[in-house]
Amino acid sequence: QLAQSGGGSVQAGGSLTLSCVGSGFTFEWYYLGWFRQAPGRQRDFVAGITETGDATDYIDAVKGRFTISRDNSKNTLYLQMNSLKPDDTAVYYCGRQLRGAHDGRLAVSYGTWGQGTQVTVPT
């Protein structure tokens, strides 16, 4: 199970932090990711992080603005979002990759999702 917190509405240029707490599984065994879904669109990859946190992956649109991190001692995944833009408006989901899956950027590679949290950056 993944339980999300954070999100909300912030003016352009502002910052938000999302958190995602895992339970019922060995957190440090899994690649984790953040996805987002805008109205009428599919769930798109935003950022991913390896099991130990030693490597990260970002889409170009958020590089330099968003930071994904994890604290395995707290079973918690984070997404720090800075310099937010209206295009970042979406429901954000944390996900746990399926064991044996290879492409961390594909939503079908994930078997467990958080409940989603709305991030709104008004124009």
C-alpha atoms as a PDB file:
ATOM      1  CA  GLN A   1       0.000   0.000   0.000  1.00  0.00           C
ATOM      2  CA  LEU A   2       1.144   3.538  -0.789  1.00  0.00           C
ATOM      3  CA  ALA A   3      -0.326   6.528   1.025  1.00  0.00           C
ATOM      4  CA  GLN A   4       0.262   9.987  -0.406  1.00  0.00           C
ATOM      5  CA  SER A   5       0.220  13.396   1.204  1.00  0.00           C
ATOM      6  CA  GLY A   6       1.046  16.911   0.138  1.00  0.00           C
ATOM      7  CA  GLY A   7      -0.094  18.722  -2.959  1.00  0.00           C
ATOM      8  CA  GLY A   8      -2.528  21.604  -3.223  1.00  0.00           C
ATOM      9  CA  SER A   9      -2.708  24.869  -5.101  1.00  0.00           C
ATOM     10  CA  VAL A  10       0.245  27.184  -5.523  1.00  0.00           C
ATOM     11  CA  GLN A  11       0.977  30.181  -7.722  1.00  0.00           C
ATOM     12  CA  ALA A  12       3.363  29.856 -10.621  1.00  0.00           C
ATOM     13  CA  GLY A  13       6.928  29.868  -9.405  1.00  0.00           C
ATOM     14  CA  GLY A  14       6.008  28.350  -6.079  1.00  0.00           C
ATOM     15  CA  SER A  15       6.994  25.053  -4.495  1.00  0.00           C
ATOM     16  CA  LEU A  16       5.285  21.954  -3.168  1.00  0.00           C
ATOM     17  CA  THR A  17       6.474  18.663  -1.698  1.00  0.00           C
ATOM     18  CA  LEU A  18       4.687  15.367  -2.171  1.00  0.00           C
ATOM     19  CA  SER A  19       5.222  12.397   0.118  1.00  0.00           C
ATOM     20  CA  CYS A  20       4.374   8.744  -0.325  1.00  0.00           C
ATOM     21  CA  VAL A  21       4.599   6.258   2.541  1.00  0.00           C
ATOM     22  CA  GLY A  22       4.802   2.553   1.808  1.00  0.00           C
ATOM     23  CA  SER A  23       3.472  -0.200   4.028  1.00  0.00           C
ATOM     24  CA  GLY A  24       2.977  -3.938   3.848  1.00  0.00           C
ATOM     25  CA  PHE A  25       6.062  -4.616   1.763  1.00  0.00           C
ATOM     26  CA  THR A  26       9.838  -4.275   1.922  1.00  0.00           C
ATOM     27  CA  PHE A  27      10.168  -0.697   0.715  1.00  0.00           C
ATOM     28  CA  GLU A  28      13.876  -0.817  -0.081  1.00  0.00           C
ATOM     29  CA  TRP A  29      13.425  -3.674  -2.558  1.00  0.00           C
ATOM     30  CA  TYR A  30      11.526  -1.606  -5.114  1.00  0.00           C
ATOM     31  CA  TYR A  31      12.115   0.962  -7.810  1.00  0.00           C
ATOM     32  CA  LEU A  32       9.626   3.795  -7.246  1.00  0.00           C
ATOM     33  CA  GLY A  33       8.243   6.486  -9.466  1.00  0.00           C
ATOM     34  CA  TRP A  34       6.069   9.546  -9.657  1.00  0.00           C
ATOM     35  CA  PHE A  35       3.516   9.931 -12.437  1.00  0.00           C
ATOM     36  CA  ARG A  36       0.958  12.593 -13.222  1.00  0.00           C
ATOM     37  CA  GLN A  37      -2.338  12.634 -15.022  1.00  0.00           C
ATOM     38  CA  ALA A  38      -3.948  15.760 -16.392  1.00  0.00           C
ATOM     39  CA  PRO A  39      -7.658  15.780 -17.337  1.00  0.00           C
ATOM     40  CA  GLY A  40      -8.267  13.829 -20.518  1.00  0.00           C
ATOM     41  CA  ARG A  41      -4.711  12.501 -20.653  1.00  0.00           C
ATOM     42  CA  GLN A  42      -2.988   9.276 -19.783  1.00  0.00           C
ATOM     43  CA  ARG A  43      -0.873   8.786 -16.695  1.00  0.00           C
ATOM     44  CA  ASP A  44       2.605  10.013 -17.603  1.00  0.00           C
ATOM     45  CA  PHE A  45       5.965   9.350 -16.005  1.00  0.00           C
ATOM     46  CA  VAL A  46       7.569  12.258 -14.159  1.00  0.00           C
ATOM     47  CA  ALA A  47      10.485  10.862 -12.153  1.00  0.00           C
ATOM     48  CA  GLY A  48      11.877   7.574 -10.891  1.00  0.00           C
ATOM     49  CA  ILE A  49      14.420   6.411  -8.335  1.00  0.00           C
ATOM     50  CA  THR A  50      16.308   3.185  -7.835  1.00  0.00           C
ATOM     51  CA  GLU A  51      15.976   0.958  -4.787  1.00  0.00           C
ATOM     52  CA  THR A  52      18.939   2.490  -2.981  1.00  0.00           C
ATOM     53  CA  GLY A  53      18.378   5.994  -4.289  1.00  0.00           C
ATOM     54  CA  ASP A  54      21.692   6.051  -6.106  1.00  0.00           C
ATOM     55  CA  ALA A  55      20.167   6.885  -9.470  1.00  0.00           C
ATOM     56  CA  THR A  56      17.248   8.988 -10.610  1.00  0.00           C
ATOM     57  CA  ASP A  57      15.427   9.628 -13.855  1.00  0.00           C
ATOM     58  CA  TYR A  58      13.389  12.667 -14.899  1.00  0.00           C
ATOM     59  CA  ILE A  59      11.454  13.806 -17.887  1.00  0.00           C
ATOM     60  CA  ASP A  60      12.987  16.814 -19.574  1.00  0.00           C
ATOM     61  CA  ALA A  61      10.053  19.045 -18.605  1.00  0.00           C
ATOM     62  CA  VAL A  62      10.899  18.813 -14.890  1.00  0.00           C
ATOM     63  CA  LYS A  63      14.683  18.474 -14.891  1.00  0.00           C
ATOM     64  CA  GLY A  64      16.248  21.120 -12.701  1.00  0.00           C
ATOM     65  CA  ARG A  65      12.898  21.899 -11.045  1.00  0.00           C
ATOM     66  CA  PHE A  66      11.778  18.633  -9.444  1.00  0.00           C
ATOM     67  CA  THR A  67      13.759  16.339  -7.166  1.00  0.00           C
ATOM     68  CA  ILE A  68      12.793  12.772  -6.361  1.00  0.00           C
ATOM     69  CA  SER A  69      14.248  11.212  -3.223  1.00  0.00           C
ATOM     70  CA  ARG A  70      13.557   8.434  -0.780  1.00  0.00           C
ATOM     71  CA  ASP A  71      14.235   7.610   2.835  1.00  0.00           C
ATOM     72  CA  ASN A  72      14.185   3.836   3.165  1.00  0.00           C
ATOM     73  CA  SER A  73      14.445   4.069   6.954  1.00  0.00           C
ATOM     74  CA  LYS A  74      11.074   5.847   6.905  1.00  0.00           C
ATOM     75  CA  ASN A  75       9.546   3.920   3.988  1.00  0.00           C
ATOM     76  CA  THR A  76       8.933   7.273   2.338  1.00  0.00           C
ATOM     77  CA  LEU A  77       9.262   8.602  -1.187  1.00  0.00           C
ATOM     78  CA  TYR A  78       9.342  12.339  -1.892  1.00  0.00           C
ATOM     79  CA  LEU A  79       8.907  14.677  -4.808  1.00  0.00           C
ATOM     80  CA  GLN A  80      10.137  18.209  -4.226  1.00  0.00           C
ATOM     81  CA  MET A  81       8.662  20.498  -6.869  1.00  0.00           C
ATOM     82  CA  ASN A  82      10.086  23.978  -7.384  1.00  0.00           C
ATOM     83  CA  SER A  83       9.421  26.706  -9.949  1.00  0.00           C
ATOM     84  CA  LEU A  84       6.005  25.227 -10.623  1.00  0.00           C
ATOM     85  CA  LYS A  85       4.250  26.074 -13.870  1.00  0.00           C
ATOM     86  CA  PRO A  86       0.603  25.867 -14.964  1.00  0.00           C
ATOM     87  CA  ASP A  87       1.579  22.904 -17.176  1.00  0.00           C
ATOM     88  CA  ASP A  88       2.447  20.987 -14.000  1.00  0.00           C
ATOM     89  CA  THR A  89      -1.225  20.955 -13.007  1.00  0.00           C
ATOM     90  CA  ALA A  90      -2.343  17.332 -12.671  1.00  0.00           C
ATOM     91  CA  VAL A  91      -3.148  14.556 -10.245  1.00  0.00           C
ATOM     92  CA  TYR A  92       0.163  13.097  -9.087  1.00  0.00           C
ATOM     93  CA  TYR A  93       0.591   9.420  -8.254  1.00  0.00           C
ATOM     94  CA  CYS A  94       3.420   7.518  -6.637  1.00  0.00           C
ATOM     95  CA  GLY A  95       3.965   4.008  -7.870  1.00  0.00           C
ATOM     96  CA  ARG A  96       5.846   0.842  -6.998  1.00  0.00           C
ATOM     97  CA  GLN A  97       7.388  -0.937  -9.927  1.00  0.00           C
ATOM     98  CA  LEU A  98       6.609  -4.602 -10.482  1.00  0.00           C
ATOM     99  CA  ARG A  99       9.458  -6.974  -9.635  1.00  0.00           C
ATOM    100  CA  GLY A 100      11.148  -7.939 -12.889  1.00  0.00           C
ATOM    101  CA  ALA A 101       9.829  -4.954 -14.837  1.00  0.00           C
ATOM    102  CA  HIS A 102      12.474  -3.118 -16.808  1.00  0.00           C
ATOM    103  CA  ASP A 103      11.110   0.181 -18.041  1.00  0.00           C
ATOM    104  CA  GLY A 104      10.524   2.536 -15.161  1.00  0.00           C
ATOM    105  CA  ARG A 105       8.892   5.097 -17.440  1.00  0.00           C
ATOM    106  CA  LEU A 106       5.917   2.921 -18.358  1.00  0.00           C
ATOM    107  CA  ALA A 107       2.838   2.966 -16.157  1.00  0.00           C
ATOM    108  CA  VAL A 108       2.183  -0.702 -17.003  1.00  0.00           C
ATOM    109  CA  SER A 109       5.441  -1.556 -15.228  1.00  0.00           C
ATOM    110  CA  TYR A 110       3.894  -0.530 -11.917  1.00  0.00           C
ATOM    111  CA  GLY A 111       1.632  -2.722  -9.841  1.00  0.00           C
ATOM    112  CA  THR A 112       0.792  -0.548  -6.864  1.00  0.00           C
ATOM    113  CA  TRP A 113      -0.273   3.086  -6.826  1.00  0.00           C
ATOM    114  CA  GLY A 114      -0.925   5.755  -4.272  1.00  0.00           C
ATOM    115  CA  GLN A 115      -4.371   7.308  -4.099  1.00  0.00           C
ATOM    116  CA  GLY A 116      -3.312  10.405  -6.051  1.00  0.00           C
ATOM    117  CA  THR A 117      -3.041  14.006  -4.995  1.00  0.00           C
ATOM    118  CA  GLN A 118      -4.038  17.125  -6.878  1.00  0.00           C
ATOM    119  CA  VAL A 119      -1.456  19.761  -7.753  1.00  0.00           C
ATOM    120  CA  THR A 120      -2.872  22.959  -9.216  1.00  0.00           C
ATOM    121  CA  VAL A 121      -0.862  25.859 -10.586  1.00  0.00           C
ATOM    122  CA  PRO A 122      -3.309  28.505 -11.855  1.00  0.00           C
ATOM    123  CA  THR A 123      -2.547  30.434 -15.004  1.00  0.00           C
END
